[in-house]
Amino acid sequence: MKSRILKAVIAIVAPLVIEFVVRKISEKLDKKVDGDKQLPASM
């Protein structure tokens, strides 16, 4: 019974965690890209 509840919790939480991690990574990449774009413009 406990393993079924645990699997259900993991099934609900895992996509949220993955989405959170992907969002954080994409934000870091966006910041790097923005920084690269701004450097030539400011020179």
PDB file of N, CA and C in Angstrom:
ATOM      1  N   MET A   1       0.830  -1.204   0.000  1.00  0.00           N
ATOM      2  CA  MET A   1       0.000   0.000   0.000  1.00  0.00           C
ATOM      3  C   MET A   1       0.866   1.257   0.000  1.00  0.00           C
ATOM      4  N   LYS A   2       1.890   1.262   0.868  1.00  0.00           N
ATOM      5  CA  LYS A   2       2.757   2.436   0.935  1.00  0.00           C
ATOM      6  C   LYS A   2       3.480   2.666  -0.392  1.00  0.00           C
ATOM      7  N   SER A   3       3.918   1.578  -1.025  1.00  0.00           N
ATOM      8  CA  SER A   3       4.663   1.729  -2.282  1.00  0.00           C
ATOM      9  C   SER A   3       3.770   2.337  -3.361  1.00  0.00           C
ATOM     10  N   ARG A   4       2.459   2.019  -3.320  1.00  0.00           N
ATOM     11  CA  ARG A   4       1.543   2.595  -4.307  1.00  0.00           C
ATOM     12  C   ARG A   4       1.406   4.092  -4.093  1.00  0.00           C
ATOM     13  N   ILE A   5       1.285   4.492  -2.824  1.00  0.00           N
ATOM     14  CA  ILE A   5       1.190   5.922  -2.497  1.00  0.00           C
ATOM     15  C   ILE A   5       2.485   6.620  -2.909  1.00  0.00           C
ATOM     16  N   LEU A   6       3.601   5.986  -2.609  1.00  0.00           N
ATOM     17  CA  LEU A   6       4.902   6.564  -2.951  1.00  0.00           C
ATOM     18  C   LEU A   6       5.035   6.748  -4.458  1.00  0.00           C
ATOM     19  N   LYS A   7       4.631   5.742  -5.224  1.00  0.00           N
ATOM     20  CA  LYS A   7       4.683   5.848  -6.688  1.00  0.00           C
ATOM     21  C   LYS A   7       3.791   6.972  -7.188  1.00  0.00           C
ATOM     22  N   ALA A   8       2.615   7.125  -6.586  1.00  0.00           N
ATOM     23  CA  ALA A   8       1.697   8.194  -6.978  1.00  0.00           C
ATOM     24  C   ALA A   8       2.318   9.562  -6.692  1.00  0.00           C
ATOM     25  N   VAL A   9       2.934   9.696  -5.536  1.00  0.00           N
ATOM     26  CA  VAL A   9       3.581  10.970  -5.169  1.00  0.00           C
ATOM     27  C   VAL A   9       4.713  11.273  -6.146  1.00  0.00           C
ATOM     28  N   ILE A  10       5.538  10.276  -6.443  1.00  0.00           N
ATOM     29  CA  ILE A  10       6.647  10.469  -7.375  1.00  0.00           C
ATOM     30  C   ILE A  10       6.118  10.850  -8.758  1.00  0.00           C
ATOM     31  N   ALA A  11       5.038  10.194  -9.188  1.00  0.00           N
ATOM     32  CA  ALA A  11       4.467  10.478 -10.507  1.00  0.00           C
ATOM     33  C   ALA A  11       3.972  11.913 -10.586  1.00  0.00           C
ATOM     34  N   ILE A  12       3.487  12.458  -9.464  1.00  0.00           N
ATOM     35  CA  ILE A  12       2.992  13.842  -9.454  1.00  0.00           C
ATOM     36  C   ILE A  12       4.149  14.825  -9.330  1.00  0.00           C
ATOM     37  N   VAL A  13       5.104  14.512  -8.466  1.00  0.00           N
ATOM     38  CA  VAL A  13       6.178  15.461  -8.147  1.00  0.00           C
ATOM     39  C   VAL A  13       7.266  15.502  -9.229  1.00  0.00           C
ATOM     40  N   ALA A  14       7.587  14.356  -9.821  1.00  0.00           N
ATOM     41  CA  ALA A  14       8.700  14.280 -10.778  1.00  0.00           C
ATOM     42  C   ALA A  14       8.564  15.279 -11.933  1.00  0.00           C
ATOM     43  N   PRO A  15       7.408  15.358 -12.615  1.00  0.00           N
ATOM     44  CA  PRO A  15       7.289  16.330 -13.716  1.00  0.00           C
ATOM     45  C   PRO A  15       7.470  17.767 -13.241  1.00  0.00           C
ATOM     46  N   LEU A  16       6.987  18.081 -12.034  1.00  0.00           N
ATOM     47  CA  LEU A  16       7.133  19.436 -11.504  1.00  0.00           C
ATOM     48  C   LEU A  16       8.609  19.755 -11.268  1.00  0.00           C
ATOM     49  N   VAL A  17       9.331  18.786 -10.711  1.00  0.00           N
ATOM     50  CA  VAL A  17      10.762  18.986 -10.449  1.00  0.00           C
ATOM     51  C   VAL A  17      11.519  19.156 -11.766  1.00  0.00           C
ATOM     52  N   ILE A  18      11.210  18.308 -12.740  1.00  0.00           N
ATOM     53  CA  ILE A  18      11.878  18.384 -14.042  1.00  0.00           C
ATOM     54  C   ILE A  18      11.599  19.736 -14.684  1.00  0.00           C
ATOM     55  N   GLU A  19      10.335  20.170 -14.643  1.00  0.00           N
ATOM     56  CA  GLU A  19       9.969  21.463 -15.234  1.00  0.00           C
ATOM     57  C   GLU A  19      10.724  22.593 -14.546  1.00  0.00           C
ATOM     58  N   PHE A  20      10.834  22.528 -13.209  1.00  0.00           N
ATOM     59  CA  PHE A  20      11.536  23.551 -12.443  1.00  0.00           C
ATOM     60  C   PHE A  20      13.013  23.609 -12.846  1.00  0.00           C
ATOM     61  N   VAL A  21      13.649  22.439 -12.952  1.00  0.00           N
ATOM     62  CA  VAL A  21      15.070  22.378 -13.312  1.00  0.00           C
ATOM     63  C   VAL A  21      15.274  22.914 -14.731  1.00  0.00           C
ATOM     64  N   VAL A  22      14.417  22.494 -15.659  1.00  0.00           N
ATOM     65  CA  VAL A  22      14.537  22.948 -17.042  1.00  0.00           C
ATOM     66  C   VAL A  22      14.375  24.463 -17.111  1.00  0.00           C
ATOM     67  N   ARG A  23      13.422  24.999 -16.353  1.00  0.00           N
ATOM     68  CA  ARG A  23      13.190  26.451 -16.358  1.00  0.00           C
ATOM     69  C   ARG A  23      14.413  27.188 -15.837  1.00  0.00           C
ATOM     70  N   LYS A  24      15.017  26.689 -14.759  1.00  0.00           N
ATOM     71  CA  LYS A  24      16.216  27.319 -14.195  1.00  0.00           C
ATOM     72  C   LYS A  24      17.364  27.290 -15.197  1.00  0.00           C
ATOM     73  N   ILE A  25      17.559  26.154 -15.872  1.00  0.00           N
ATOM     74  CA  ILE A  25      18.638  26.030 -16.852  1.00  0.00           C
ATOM     75  C   ILE A  25      18.392  26.987 -18.015  1.00  0.00           C
ATOM     76  N   SER A  26      17.152  27.050 -18.489  1.00  0.00           N
ATOM     77  CA  SER A  26      16.845  27.926 -19.627  1.00  0.00           C
ATOM     78  C   SER A  26      17.017  29.391 -19.232  1.00  0.00           C
ATOM     79  N   GLU A  27      16.699  29.731 -17.979  1.00  0.00           N
ATOM     80  CA  GLU A  27      16.906  31.108 -17.523  1.00  0.00           C
ATOM     81  C   GLU A  27      18.396  31.445 -17.536  1.00  0.00           C
ATOM     82  N   LYS A  28      19.232  30.526 -17.069  1.00  0.00           N
ATOM     83  CA  LYS A  28      20.675  30.773 -17.078  1.00  0.00           C
ATOM     84  C   LYS A  28      21.180  30.928 -18.502  1.00  0.00           C
ATOM     85  N   LEU A  29      20.697  30.086 -19.424  1.00  0.00           N
ATOM     86  CA  LEU A  29      21.122  30.184 -20.823  1.00  0.00           C
ATOM     87  C   LEU A  29      20.654  31.502 -21.417  1.00  0.00           C
ATOM     88  N   ASP A  30      19.423  31.923 -21.102  1.00  0.00           N
ATOM     89  CA  ASP A  30      18.903  33.187 -21.611  1.00  0.00           C
ATOM     90  C   ASP A  30      19.763  34.345 -21.113  1.00  0.00           C
ATOM     91  N   LYS A  31      20.166  34.300 -19.842  1.00  0.00           N
ATOM     92  CA  LYS A  31      20.996  35.378 -19.294  1.00  0.00           C
ATOM     93  C   LYS A  31      22.346  35.424 -20.015  1.00  0.00           C
ATOM     94  N   LYS A  32      22.928  34.247 -20.281  1.00  0.00           N
ATOM     95  CA  LYS A  32      24.210  34.209 -20.989  1.00  0.00           C
ATOM     96  C   LYS A  32      24.061  34.780 -22.394  1.00  0.00           C
ATOM     97  N   VAL A  33      22.984  34.402 -23.085  1.00  0.00           N
ATOM     98  CA  VAL A  33      22.749  34.897 -24.446  1.00  0.00           C
ATOM     99  C   VAL A  33      22.545  36.413 -24.415  1.00  0.00           C
ATOM    100  N   ASP A  34      21.748  36.899 -23.454  1.00  0.00           N
ATOM    101  CA  ASP A  34      21.528  38.332 -23.349  1.00  0.00           C
ATOM    102  C   ASP A  34      22.844  39.058 -23.091  1.00  0.00           C
ATOM    103  N   GLY A  35      23.696  38.507 -22.234  1.00  0.00           N
ATOM    104  CA  GLY A  35      24.990  39.115 -21.960  1.00  0.00           C
ATOM    105  C   GLY A  35      25.846  39.162 -23.204  1.00  0.00           C
ATOM    106  N   ASP A  36      25.840  38.095 -23.987  1.00  0.00           N
ATOM    107  CA  ASP A  36      26.616  38.061 -25.234  1.00  0.00           C
ATOM    108  C   ASP A  36      26.090  39.077 -26.231  1.00  0.00           C
ATOM    109  N   LYS A  37      24.780  39.247 -26.281  1.00  0.00           N
ATOM    110  CA  LYS A  37      24.183  40.203 -27.221  1.00  0.00           C
ATOM    111  C   LYS A  37      24.517  41.631 -26.819  1.00  0.00           C
ATOM    112  N   GLN A  38      24.547  41.901 -25.494  1.00  0.00           N
ATOM    113  CA  GLN A  38      24.743  43.262 -25.016  1.00  0.00           C
ATOM    114  C   GLN A  38      26.190  43.739 -25.168  1.00  0.00           C
ATOM    115  N   LEU A  39      27.145  42.809 -25.128  1.00  0.00           N
ATOM    116  CA  LEU A  39      28.543  43.219 -25.199  1.00  0.00           C
ATOM    117  C   LEU A  39      28.884  43.973 -26.491  1.00  0.00           C
ATOM    118  N   PRO A  40      28.582  43.436 -27.679  1.00  0.00           N
ATOM    119  CA  PRO A  40      28.925  44.173 -28.897  1.00  0.00           C
ATOM    120  C   PRO A  40      28.172  45.484 -29.005  1.00  0.00           C
ATOM    121  N   ALA A  41      26.940  45.530 -28.540  1.00  0.00           N
ATOM    122  CA  ALA A  41      26.127  46.742 -28.643  1.00  0.00           C
ATOM    123  C   ALA A  41      26.715  47.867 -27.784  1.00  0.00           C
ATOM    124  N   SER A  42      27.305  47.515 -26.640  1.00  0.00           N
ATOM    125  CA  SER A  42      27.818  48.544 -25.735  1.00  0.00           C
ATOM    126  C   SER A  42      29.192  49.054 -26.172  1.00  0.00           C
ATOM    127  N   MET A  43      29.874  48.334 -27.038  1.00  0.00           N
ATOM    128  CA  MET A  43      31.221  48.760 -27.452  1.00  0.00           C
ATOM    129  C   MET A  43      31.177  49.928 -28.419  1.00  0.00           C
TER     130      MET A  43
END
